[in-house]
Full PDB file with SEQRES, HELIX, SHEET, SSBOND, CRYST1, ORIGX, SCALE, CONECT and MASTER records, all heavy atoms in Angstrom:
SEQRES   1 A   34  ASP ILE GLU LYS ALA SER GLU LEU THR GLU GLY ASN ALA          
SEQRES   2 A   34  TRP PHE GLN LEU TYR ASN PRO VAL ASP ASN ALA ILE ARG          
SEQRES   3 A   34  ASP ASN ILE ILE GLU ARG ALA GLU                              
HELIX    1 AA1 ILE A    2  THR A    9  1                                   8    
HELIX    2 AA2 ASN A   23  ALA A   33  1                                  11    
CRYST1    1.000    1.000    1.000  90.00  90.00  90.00 P 1           1          
ORIGX1      1.000000  0.000000  0.000000        0.00000                         
ORIGX2      0.000000  1.000000  0.000000        0.00000                         
ORIGX3      0.000000  0.000000  1.000000        0.00000                         
SCALE1      1.000000  0.000000  0.000000        0.00000                         
SCALE2      0.000000  1.000000  0.000000        0.00000                         
SCALE3      0.000000  0.000000  1.000000        0.00000                         
ATOM      1  N   ASP A   1       0.818  -1.210   0.000  1.00  0.00           N  
ATOM      2  CA  ASP A   1       0.000   0.000   0.000  1.00  0.00           C  
ATOM      3  C   ASP A   1       0.855   1.265   0.000  1.00  0.00           C  
ATOM      4  O   ASP A   1       2.081   1.223   0.168  1.00  0.00           O  
ATOM      5  CB  ASP A   1      -0.996  -0.002   1.168  1.00  0.00           C  
ATOM      6  CG  ASP A   1      -0.341  -0.001   2.543  1.00  0.00           C  
ATOM      7  OD1 ASP A   1       0.781   0.538   2.679  1.00  0.00           O  
ATOM      8  OD2 ASP A   1      -0.952  -0.525   3.487  1.00  0.00           O  
ATOM      9  N   ILE A   2       0.189   2.389  -0.219  1.00  0.00           N  
ATOM     10  CA  ILE A   2       0.863   3.687  -0.316  1.00  0.00           C  
ATOM     11  C   ILE A   2       1.665   3.974   0.949  1.00  0.00           C  
ATOM     12  O   ILE A   2       2.808   4.449   0.891  1.00  0.00           O  
ATOM     13  CB  ILE A   2      -0.174   4.810  -0.526  1.00  0.00           C  
ATOM     14  CG1 ILE A   2      -1.002   4.569  -1.780  1.00  0.00           C  
ATOM     15  CG2 ILE A   2       0.516   6.168  -0.585  1.00  0.00           C  
ATOM     16  CD1 ILE A   2      -2.203   5.509  -1.903  1.00  0.00           C  
ATOM     17  N   GLU A   3       1.069   3.689   2.088  1.00  0.00           N  
ATOM     18  CA  GLU A   3       1.695   4.047   3.359  1.00  0.00           C  
ATOM     19  C   GLU A   3       3.007   3.270   3.576  1.00  0.00           C  
ATOM     20  O   GLU A   3       4.003   3.846   4.042  1.00  0.00           O  
ATOM     21  CB  GLU A   3       0.713   3.781   4.504  1.00  0.00           C  
ATOM     22  CG  GLU A   3      -0.469   4.746   4.543  1.00  0.00           C  
ATOM     23  CD  GLU A   3      -1.555   4.472   3.489  1.00  0.00           C  
ATOM     24  OE1 GLU A   3      -1.560   3.362   2.894  1.00  0.00           O  
ATOM     25  OE2 GLU A   3      -2.392   5.361   3.278  1.00  0.00           O  
ATOM     26  N   LYS A   4       3.004   1.984   3.235  1.00  0.00           N  
ATOM     27  CA  LYS A   4       4.224   1.183   3.384  1.00  0.00           C  
ATOM     28  C   LYS A   4       5.301   1.651   2.412  1.00  0.00           C  
ATOM     29  O   LYS A   4       6.493   1.734   2.772  1.00  0.00           O  
ATOM     30  CB  LYS A   4       3.909  -0.296   3.153  1.00  0.00           C  
ATOM     31  CG  LYS A   4       5.093  -1.236   3.383  1.00  0.00           C  
ATOM     32  CD  LYS A   4       5.522  -1.245   4.842  1.00  0.00           C  
ATOM     33  CE  LYS A   4       6.607  -2.289   5.093  1.00  0.00           C  
ATOM     34  NZ  LYS A   4       7.077  -2.274   6.495  1.00  0.00           N  
ATOM     35  N   ALA A   5       4.910   1.960   1.177  1.00  0.00           N  
ATOM     36  CA  ALA A   5       5.879   2.459   0.191  1.00  0.00           C  
ATOM     37  C   ALA A   5       6.523   3.750   0.681  1.00  0.00           C  
ATOM     38  O   ALA A   5       7.734   3.962   0.535  1.00  0.00           O  
ATOM     39  CB  ALA A   5       5.194   2.679  -1.151  1.00  0.00           C  
ATOM     40  N   SER A   6       5.717   4.610   1.280  1.00  0.00           N  
ATOM     41  CA  SER A   6       6.234   5.865   1.811  1.00  0.00           C  
ATOM     42  C   SER A   6       7.202   5.621   2.961  1.00  0.00           C  
ATOM     43  O   SER A   6       8.255   6.261   3.057  1.00  0.00           O  
ATOM     44  CB  SER A   6       5.079   6.751   2.280  1.00  0.00           C  
ATOM     45  OG  SER A   6       5.555   7.925   2.892  1.00  0.00           O  
ATOM     46  N   GLU A   7       6.837   4.694   3.821  1.00  0.00           N  
ATOM     47  CA  GLU A   7       7.697   4.369   4.967  1.00  0.00           C  
ATOM     48  C   GLU A   7       9.068   3.871   4.493  1.00  0.00           C  
ATOM     49  O   GLU A   7      10.108   4.296   5.005  1.00  0.00           O  
ATOM     50  CB  GLU A   7       7.017   3.304   5.827  1.00  0.00           C  
ATOM     51  CG  GLU A   7       7.846   2.803   6.991  1.00  0.00           C  
ATOM     52  CD  GLU A   7       7.218   1.597   7.669  1.00  0.00           C  
ATOM     53  OE1 GLU A   7       5.982   1.450   7.623  1.00  0.00           O  
ATOM     54  OE2 GLU A   7       7.976   0.784   8.240  1.00  0.00           O  
ATOM     55  N   LEU A   8       9.074   2.987   3.496  1.00  0.00           N  
ATOM     56  CA  LEU A   8      10.321   2.376   3.035  1.00  0.00           C  
ATOM     57  C   LEU A   8      11.193   3.346   2.247  1.00  0.00           C  
ATOM     58  O   LEU A   8      12.403   3.151   2.136  1.00  0.00           O  
ATOM     59  CB  LEU A   8      10.021   1.137   2.185  1.00  0.00           C  
ATOM     60  CG  LEU A   8       9.357  -0.028   2.914  1.00  0.00           C  
ATOM     61  CD1 LEU A   8       9.012  -1.144   1.939  1.00  0.00           C  
ATOM     62  CD2 LEU A   8      10.262  -0.562   4.029  1.00  0.00           C  
ATOM     63  N   THR A   9      10.577   4.376   1.669  1.00  0.00           N  
ATOM     64  CA  THR A   9      11.334   5.346   0.860  1.00  0.00           C  
ATOM     65  C   THR A   9      11.431   6.712   1.535  1.00  0.00           C  
ATOM     66  O   THR A   9      11.879   7.677   0.907  1.00  0.00           O  
ATOM     67  CB  THR A   9      10.679   5.523  -0.524  1.00  0.00           C  
ATOM     68  OG1 THR A   9       9.351   6.067  -0.351  1.00  0.00           O  
ATOM     69  CG2 THR A   9      10.589   4.204  -1.276  1.00  0.00           C  
ATOM     70  N   GLU A  10      11.000   6.784   2.784  1.00  0.00           N  
ATOM     71  CA  GLU A  10      10.988   8.040   3.543  1.00  0.00           C  
ATOM     72  C   GLU A  10      10.280   9.157   2.768  1.00  0.00           C  
ATOM     73  O   GLU A  10      10.781  10.280   2.648  1.00  0.00           O  
ATOM     74  CB  GLU A  10      12.424   8.436   3.932  1.00  0.00           C  
ATOM     75  CG  GLU A  10      13.075   7.405   4.856  1.00  0.00           C  
ATOM     76  CD  GLU A  10      14.353   7.896   5.509  1.00  0.00           C  
ATOM     77  OE1 GLU A  10      14.643   9.111   5.428  1.00  0.00           O  
ATOM     78  OE2 GLU A  10      15.059   7.065   6.093  1.00  0.00           O  
ATOM     79  N   GLY A  11       9.118   8.794   2.244  1.00  0.00           N  
ATOM     80  CA  GLY A  11       8.261   9.773   1.570  1.00  0.00           C  
ATOM     81  C   GLY A  11       8.652  10.093   0.147  1.00  0.00           C  
ATOM     82  O   GLY A  11       8.164  11.083  -0.414  1.00  0.00           O  
ATOM     83  N   ASN A  12       9.495   9.267  -0.469  1.00  0.00           N  
ATOM     84  CA  ASN A  12       9.972   9.557  -1.820  1.00  0.00           C  
ATOM     85  C   ASN A  12       9.313   8.720  -2.910  1.00  0.00           C  
ATOM     86  O   ASN A  12       9.650   8.887  -4.089  1.00  0.00           O  
ATOM     87  CB  ASN A  12      11.491   9.384  -1.889  1.00  0.00           C  
ATOM     88  CG  ASN A  12      12.225  10.496  -1.168  1.00  0.00           C  
ATOM     89  OD1 ASN A  12      12.286  11.616  -1.654  1.00  0.00           O  
ATOM     90  ND2 ASN A  12      12.764  10.198   0.002  1.00  0.00           N  
ATOM     91  N   ALA A  13       8.424   7.807  -2.563  1.00  0.00           N  
ATOM     92  CA  ALA A  13       7.782   6.975  -3.582  1.00  0.00           C  
ATOM     93  C   ALA A  13       6.795   7.799  -4.410  1.00  0.00           C  
ATOM     94  O   ALA A  13       6.053   8.620  -3.876  1.00  0.00           O  
ATOM     95  CB  ALA A  13       7.054   5.802  -2.927  1.00  0.00           C  
ATOM     96  N   TRP A  14       6.796   7.593  -5.706  1.00  0.00           N  
ATOM     97  CA  TRP A  14       5.772   8.151  -6.581  1.00  0.00           C  
ATOM     98  C   TRP A  14       4.589   7.183  -6.580  1.00  0.00           C  
ATOM     99  O   TRP A  14       4.744   5.995  -6.287  1.00  0.00           O  
ATOM    100  CB  TRP A  14       6.297   8.315  -7.996  1.00  0.00           C  
ATOM    101  CG  TRP A  14       7.487   9.204  -8.159  1.00  0.00           C  
ATOM    102  CD1 TRP A  14       8.327   9.681  -7.180  1.00  0.00           C  
ATOM    103  CD2 TRP A  14       8.015   9.709  -9.403  1.00  0.00           C  
ATOM    104  NE1 TRP A  14       9.320  10.446  -7.730  1.00  0.00           N  
ATOM    105  CE2 TRP A  14       9.159  10.491  -9.085  1.00  0.00           C  
ATOM    106  CE3 TRP A  14       7.628   9.582 -10.738  1.00  0.00           C  
ATOM    107  CZ2 TRP A  14       9.923  11.122 -10.085  1.00  0.00           C  
ATOM    108  CZ3 TRP A  14       8.386  10.219 -11.726  1.00  0.00           C  
ATOM    109  CH2 TRP A  14       9.512  10.978 -11.397  1.00  0.00           C  
ATOM    110  N   PHE A  15       3.412   7.682  -6.919  1.00  0.00           N  
ATOM    111  CA  PHE A  15       2.228   6.815  -6.933  1.00  0.00           C  
ATOM    112  C   PHE A  15       1.503   6.909  -8.273  1.00  0.00           C  
ATOM    113  O   PHE A  15       1.226   8.008  -8.758  1.00  0.00           O  
ATOM    114  CB  PHE A  15       1.256   7.173  -5.805  1.00  0.00           C  
ATOM    115  CG  PHE A  15       0.052   6.271  -5.753  1.00  0.00           C  
ATOM    116  CD1 PHE A  15       0.181   4.960  -5.344  1.00  0.00           C  
ATOM    117  CD2 PHE A  15      -1.206   6.726  -6.137  1.00  0.00           C  
ATOM    118  CE1 PHE A  15      -0.924   4.104  -5.311  1.00  0.00           C  
ATOM    119  CE2 PHE A  15      -2.316   5.887  -6.110  1.00  0.00           C  
ATOM    120  CZ  PHE A  15      -2.167   4.571  -5.691  1.00  0.00           C  
ATOM    121  N   GLN A  16       1.227   5.745  -8.857  1.00  0.00           N  
ATOM    122  CA  GLN A  16       0.479   5.682 -10.111  1.00  0.00           C  
ATOM    123  C   GLN A  16      -0.982   5.365  -9.823  1.00  0.00           C  
ATOM    124  O   GLN A  16      -1.300   4.371  -9.170  1.00  0.00           O  
ATOM    125  CB  GLN A  16       1.053   4.596 -11.023  1.00  0.00           C  
ATOM    126  CG  GLN A  16       0.303   4.455 -12.340  1.00  0.00           C  
ATOM    127  CD  GLN A  16       0.461   3.060 -12.940  1.00  0.00           C  
ATOM    128  OE1 GLN A  16       0.130   2.053 -12.323  1.00  0.00           O  
ATOM    129  NE2 GLN A  16       0.975   3.008 -14.151  1.00  0.00           N  
ATOM    130  N   LEU A  17      -1.859   6.220 -10.315  1.00  0.00           N  
ATOM    131  CA  LEU A  17      -3.287   6.085 -10.041  1.00  0.00           C  
ATOM    132  C   LEU A  17      -4.039   5.506 -11.230  1.00  0.00           C  
ATOM    133  O   LEU A  17      -4.032   6.071 -12.317  1.00  0.00           O  
ATOM    134  CB  LEU A  17      -3.888   7.453  -9.691  1.00  0.00           C  
ATOM    135  CG  LEU A  17      -5.392   7.485  -9.399  1.00  0.00           C  
ATOM    136  CD1 LEU A  17      -5.712   6.717  -8.120  1.00  0.00           C  
ATOM    137  CD2 LEU A  17      -5.886   8.924  -9.304  1.00  0.00           C  
ATOM    138  N   TYR A  18      -4.675   4.355 -11.013  1.00  0.00           N  
ATOM    139  CA  TYR A  18      -5.735   3.878 -11.905  1.00  0.00           C  
ATOM    140  C   TYR A  18      -6.975   4.679 -11.513  1.00  0.00           C  
ATOM    141  O   TYR A  18      -7.427   4.591 -10.374  1.00  0.00           O  
ATOM    142  CB  TYR A  18      -6.023   2.391 -11.672  1.00  0.00           C  
ATOM    143  CG  TYR A  18      -5.228   1.422 -12.504  1.00  0.00           C  
ATOM    144  CD1 TYR A  18      -3.891   1.170 -12.226  1.00  0.00           C  
ATOM    145  CD2 TYR A  18      -5.833   0.733 -13.560  1.00  0.00           C  
ATOM    146  CE1 TYR A  18      -3.161   0.257 -12.971  1.00  0.00           C  
ATOM    147  CE2 TYR A  18      -5.112  -0.184 -14.308  1.00  0.00           C  
ATOM    148  CZ  TYR A  18      -3.779  -0.425 -14.011  1.00  0.00           C  
ATOM    149  OH  TYR A  18      -3.068  -1.322 -14.746  1.00  0.00           O  
ATOM    150  N   ASN A  19      -7.525   5.448 -12.420  1.00  0.00           N  
ATOM    151  CA  ASN A  19      -8.605   6.344 -12.030  1.00  0.00           C  
ATOM    152  C   ASN A  19      -9.865   5.569 -11.648  1.00  0.00           C  
ATOM    153  O   ASN A  19     -10.431   4.839 -12.464  1.00  0.00           O  
ATOM    154  CB  ASN A  19      -8.932   7.300 -13.176  1.00  0.00           C  
ATOM    155  CG  ASN A  19      -9.891   8.384 -12.752  1.00  0.00           C  
ATOM    156  OD1 ASN A  19      -9.668   9.039 -11.748  1.00  0.00           O  
ATOM    157  ND2 ASN A  19     -10.959   8.565 -13.499  1.00  0.00           N  
ATOM    158  N   PRO A  20     -10.353   5.720 -10.404  1.00  0.00           N  
ATOM    159  CA  PRO A  20     -11.565   5.014  -9.998  1.00  0.00           C  
ATOM    160  C   PRO A  20     -12.821   5.663 -10.588  1.00  0.00           C  
ATOM    161  O   PRO A  20     -12.839   6.867 -10.865  1.00  0.00           O  
ATOM    162  CB  PRO A  20     -11.567   5.150  -8.470  1.00  0.00           C  
ATOM    163  CG  PRO A  20     -10.234   5.716  -8.105  1.00  0.00           C  
ATOM    164  CD  PRO A  20      -9.749   6.458  -9.292  1.00  0.00           C  
ATOM    165  N   VAL A  21     -13.855   4.877 -10.747  1.00  0.00           N  
ATOM    166  CA  VAL A  21     -15.145   5.407 -11.178  1.00  0.00           C  
ATOM    167  C   VAL A  21     -15.745   6.282 -10.089  1.00  0.00           C  
ATOM    168  O   VAL A  21     -16.355   7.320 -10.365  1.00  0.00           O  
ATOM    169  CB  VAL A  21     -16.102   4.240 -11.539  1.00  0.00           C  
ATOM    170  CG1 VAL A  21     -17.493   4.770 -11.838  1.00  0.00           C  
ATOM    171  CG2 VAL A  21     -15.561   3.461 -12.735  1.00  0.00           C  
ATOM    172  N   ASP A  22     -15.577   5.869  -8.845  1.00  0.00           N  
ATOM    173  CA  ASP A  22     -16.137   6.572  -7.688  1.00  0.00           C  
ATOM    174  C   ASP A  22     -15.233   7.744  -7.295  1.00  0.00           C  
ATOM    175  O   ASP A  22     -14.070   7.556  -6.917  1.00  0.00           O  
ATOM    176  CB  ASP A  22     -16.264   5.576  -6.526  1.00  0.00           C  
ATOM    177  CG  ASP A  22     -17.006   6.147  -5.330  1.00  0.00           C  
ATOM    178  OD1 ASP A  22     -16.826   7.346  -5.039  1.00  0.00           O  
ATOM    179  OD2 ASP A  22     -17.750   5.394  -4.681  1.00  0.00           O  
ATOM    180  N   ASN A  23     -15.770   8.945  -7.352  1.00  0.00           N  
ATOM    181  CA  ASN A  23     -14.972  10.131  -7.030  1.00  0.00           C  
ATOM    182  C   ASN A  23     -14.519  10.161  -5.578  1.00  0.00           C  
ATOM    183  O   ASN A  23     -13.450  10.696  -5.257  1.00  0.00           O  
ATOM    184  CB  ASN A  23     -15.760  11.402  -7.348  1.00  0.00           C  
ATOM    185  CG  ASN A  23     -15.974  11.597  -8.834  1.00  0.00           C  
ATOM    186  OD1 ASN A  23     -15.280  10.998  -9.662  1.00  0.00           O  
ATOM    187  ND2 ASN A  23     -16.936  12.430  -9.193  1.00  0.00           N  
ATOM    188  N   ALA A  24     -15.317   9.598  -4.694  1.00  0.00           N  
ATOM    189  CA  ALA A  24     -14.951   9.572  -3.276  1.00  0.00           C  
ATOM    190  C   ALA A  24     -13.719   8.688  -3.063  1.00  0.00           C  
ATOM    191  O   ALA A  24     -12.816   9.037  -2.279  1.00  0.00           O  
ATOM    192  CB  ALA A  24     -16.124   9.079  -2.436  1.00  0.00           C  
ATOM    193  N   ILE A  25     -13.669   7.546  -3.753  1.00  0.00           N  
ATOM    194  CA  ILE A  25     -12.493   6.676  -3.663  1.00  0.00           C  
ATOM    195  C   ILE A  25     -11.283   7.389  -4.258  1.00  0.00           C  
ATOM    196  O   ILE A  25     -10.195   7.382  -3.681  1.00  0.00           O  
ATOM    197  CB  ILE A  25     -12.750   5.333  -4.383  1.00  0.00           C  
ATOM    198  CG1 ILE A  25     -13.828   4.538  -3.651  1.00  0.00           C  
ATOM    199  CG2 ILE A  25     -11.455   4.521  -4.484  1.00  0.00           C  
ATOM    200  CD1 ILE A  25     -14.191   3.225  -4.323  1.00  0.00           C  
ATOM    201  N   ARG A  26     -11.476   8.016  -5.407  1.00  0.00           N  
ATOM    202  CA  ARG A  26     -10.392   8.767  -6.048  1.00  0.00           C  
ATOM    203  C   ARG A  26      -9.811   9.808  -5.092  1.00  0.00           C  
ATOM    204  O   ARG A  26      -8.596   9.875  -4.885  1.00  0.00           O  
ATOM    205  CB  ARG A  26     -10.926   9.464  -7.299  1.00  0.00           C  
ATOM    206  CG  ARG A  26      -9.908  10.352  -8.020  1.00  0.00           C  
ATOM    207  CD  ARG A  26     -10.619  11.342  -8.922  1.00  0.00           C  
ATOM    208  NE  ARG A  26     -11.376  12.337  -8.143  1.00  0.00           N  
ATOM    209  CZ  ARG A  26     -12.350  13.092  -8.635  1.00  0.00           C  
ATOM    210  NH1 ARG A  26     -12.729  12.948  -9.895  1.00  0.00           N  
ATOM    211  NH2 ARG A  26     -12.979  13.968  -7.859  1.00  0.00           N  
ATOM    212  N   ASP A  27     -10.686  10.599  -4.500  1.00  0.00           N  
ATOM    213  CA  ASP A  27     -10.225  11.665  -3.617  1.00  0.00           C  
ATOM    214  C   ASP A  27      -9.515  11.113  -2.392  1.00  0.00           C  
ATOM    215  O   ASP A  27      -8.512  11.674  -1.923  1.00  0.00           O  
ATOM    216  CB  ASP A  27     -11.397  12.546  -3.192  1.00  0.00           C  
ATOM    217  CG  ASP A  27     -11.935  13.403  -4.332  1.00  0.00           C  
ATOM    218  OD1 ASP A  27     -11.259  13.487  -5.384  1.00  0.00           O  
ATOM    219  OD2 ASP A  27     -13.035  13.981  -4.185  1.00  0.00           O  
ATOM    220  N   ASN A  28     -10.015  10.010  -1.859  1.00  0.00           N  
ATOM    221  CA  ASN A  28      -9.392   9.430  -0.673  1.00  0.00           C  
ATOM    222  C   ASN A  28      -8.005   8.879  -0.989  1.00  0.00           C  
ATOM    223  O   ASN A  28      -7.063   9.050  -0.202  1.00  0.00           O  
ATOM    224  CB  ASN A  28     -10.278   8.326  -0.083  1.00  0.00           C  
ATOM    225  CG  ASN A  28      -9.742   7.803   1.239  1.00  0.00           C  
ATOM    226  OD1 ASN A  28      -9.242   6.691   1.313  1.00  0.00           O  
ATOM    227  ND2 ASN A  28      -9.825   8.617   2.292  1.00  0.00           N  
ATOM    228  N   ILE A  29      -7.850   8.232  -2.134  1.00  0.00           N  
ATOM    229  CA  ILE A  29      -6.530   7.729  -2.519  1.00  0.00           C  
ATOM    230  C   ILE A  29      -5.550   8.886  -2.703  1.00  0.00           C  
ATOM    231  O   ILE A  29      -4.405   8.829  -2.249  1.00  0.00           O  
ATOM    232  CB  ILE A  29      -6.629   6.892  -3.814  1.00  0.00           C  
ATOM    233  CG1 ILE A  29      -7.404   5.597  -3.560  1.00  0.00           C  
ATOM    234  CG2 ILE A  29      -5.233   6.558  -4.341  1.00  0.00           C  
ATOM    235  CD1 ILE A  29      -7.631   4.756  -4.797  1.00  0.00           C  
ATOM    236  N   ILE A  30      -5.999   9.967  -3.339  1.00  0.00           N  
ATOM    237  CA  ILE A  30      -5.141  11.132  -3.532  1.00  0.00           C  
ATOM    238  C   ILE A  30      -4.741  11.728  -2.186  1.00  0.00           C  
ATOM    239  O   ILE A  30      -3.580  12.101  -1.963  1.00  0.00           O  
ATOM    240  CB  ILE A  30      -5.843  12.180  -4.417  1.00  0.00           C  
ATOM    241  CG1 ILE A  30      -5.978  11.655  -5.847  1.00  0.00           C  
ATOM    242  CG2 ILE A  30      -5.082  13.498  -4.408  1.00  0.00           C  
ATOM    243  CD1 ILE A  30      -6.798  12.548  -6.766  1.00  0.00           C  
ATOM    244  N   GLU A  31      -5.695  11.793  -1.252  1.00  0.00           N  
ATOM    245  CA  GLU A  31      -5.401  12.324   0.083  1.00  0.00           C  
ATOM    246  C   GLU A  31      -4.396  11.437   0.813  1.00  0.00           C  
ATOM    247  O   GLU A  31      -3.502  11.939   1.518  1.00  0.00           O  
ATOM    248  CB  GLU A  31      -6.698  12.435   0.890  1.00  0.00           C  
ATOM    249  CG  GLU A  31      -7.595  13.582   0.422  1.00  0.00           C  
ATOM    250  CD  GLU A  31      -9.031  13.448   0.904  1.00  0.00           C  
ATOM    251  OE1 GLU A  31      -9.298  12.535   1.736  1.00  0.00           O  
ATOM    252  OE2 GLU A  31      -9.886  14.237   0.452  1.00  0.00           O  
ATOM    253  N   ARG A  32      -4.505  10.131   0.641  1.00  0.00           N  
ATOM    254  CA  ARG A  32      -3.544   9.214   1.255  1.00  0.00           C  
ATOM    255  C   ARG A  32      -2.150   9.404   0.658  1.00  0.00           C  
ATOM    256  O   ARG A  32      -1.145   9.397   1.378  1.00  0.00           O  
ATOM    257  CB  ARG A  32      -4.004   7.763   1.076  1.00  0.00           C  
ATOM    258  CG  ARG A  32      -5.210   7.392   1.924  1.00  0.00           C  
ATOM    259  CD  ARG A  32      -5.753   6.022   1.512  1.00  0.00           C  
ATOM    260  NE  ARG A  32      -4.777   4.958   1.715  1.00  0.00           N  
ATOM    261  CZ  ARG A  32      -4.910   3.725   1.194  1.00  0.00           C  
ATOM    262  NH1 ARG A  32      -5.965   3.429   0.458  1.00  0.00           N  
ATOM    263  NH2 ARG A  32      -3.984   2.821   1.418  1.00  0.00           N  
ATOM    264  N   ALA A  33      -2.086   9.575  -0.672  1.00  0.00           N  
ATOM    265  CA  ALA A  33      -0.795   9.796  -1.327  1.00  0.00           C  
ATOM    266  C   ALA A  33      -0.162  11.097  -0.848  1.00  0.00           C  
ATOM    267  O   ALA A  33       1.052  11.167  -0.601  1.00  0.00           O  
ATOM    268  CB  ALA A  33      -0.966   9.799  -2.839  1.00  0.00           C  
ATOM    269  N   GLU A  34      -0.990  12.121  -0.681  1.00  0.00           N  
ATOM    270  CA  GLU A  34      -0.490  13.406  -0.193  1.00  0.00           C  
ATOM    271  C   GLU A  34      -0.001  13.278   1.245  1.00  0.00           C  
ATOM    272  O   GLU A  34       1.082  13.769   1.603  1.00  0.00           O  
ATOM    273  CB  GLU A  34      -1.578  14.475  -0.290  1.00  0.00           C  
ATOM    274  CG  GLU A  34      -1.120  15.854   0.141  1.00  0.00           C  
ATOM    275  CD  GLU A  34      -2.209  16.914  -0.022  1.00  0.00           C  
ATOM    276  OE1 GLU A  34      -3.399  16.550  -0.081  1.00  0.00           O  
ATOM    277  OE2 GLU A  34      -1.851  18.103  -0.072  1.00  0.00           O  
TER     278      GLU A  34                                                      
MASTER        0    0    0    2    0    0    0    6  277    1    0    3          
END                                                                             
């Protein structure tokens, strides 16, 4: 998951988004990446 990738790279991992149909899921994933 995003959080583990961030932990292992000290916040340097990039994230590739498969765009979800549900905007709420999309926004939550973006917020997690941020």
